[in-house]
Amino acid sequence: MKLFGIIFLSIGLLFAFIGLGWIYVFISSQTGTTLSEEWIGPGIFTFIGLLFASIGGGVLYFIAKQKAKRELLIRTGKKLRAAISNVYYNTSITVNNRHPLIIECVAEVSGKKKTFKSHNIWNQNQFSPGQEIAVYLDTRDSTNFWVEVGN
């Protein structure tokens, strides 16, 4: 996913710079001061470049936020031992005819059983019901948690 973001961001920036350079050439030339159909090419290049760059930047931003959340919860959160209750494929996402895994696990929090769901897992680790994994829970907000699955 990170490679996807880097590729989209770099291609987007390349297209945007080409489009903006093309627009600069039109502005600096004496005939390019009026808007005409000559501006369609550089306008499209710039727009497509900015669109691709924003998609790539958004993906990289999401990855960075998820990593920061994980590191913060591992550092400051309460570590719970949870038992895996269910392992299933997230069929709403398909990449190369594959689906990511989702792990549901159950842990006891303040005397009550609470179910936690992992993020999408793309590697093919073997998880089975009953296996124990770590869950890091924010002590101030019980909806903020991280299921540690090893990636």
Foldseek 3Di string as FASTA:
>chain_A
DLVQLVVLQVQLVVLLVVLVVLLVVLVPDPNNPDDDPVNVVSVVSNVSSVVSNVVSVVVVVVVVVVVVLVVVLVVPFDKWKWFWADKDFPVVDADPNDTFIKTWTWTADPNDIDIDIADTHDDDDDDDTGDIFIKTAHPVDRVRIHTCPPD
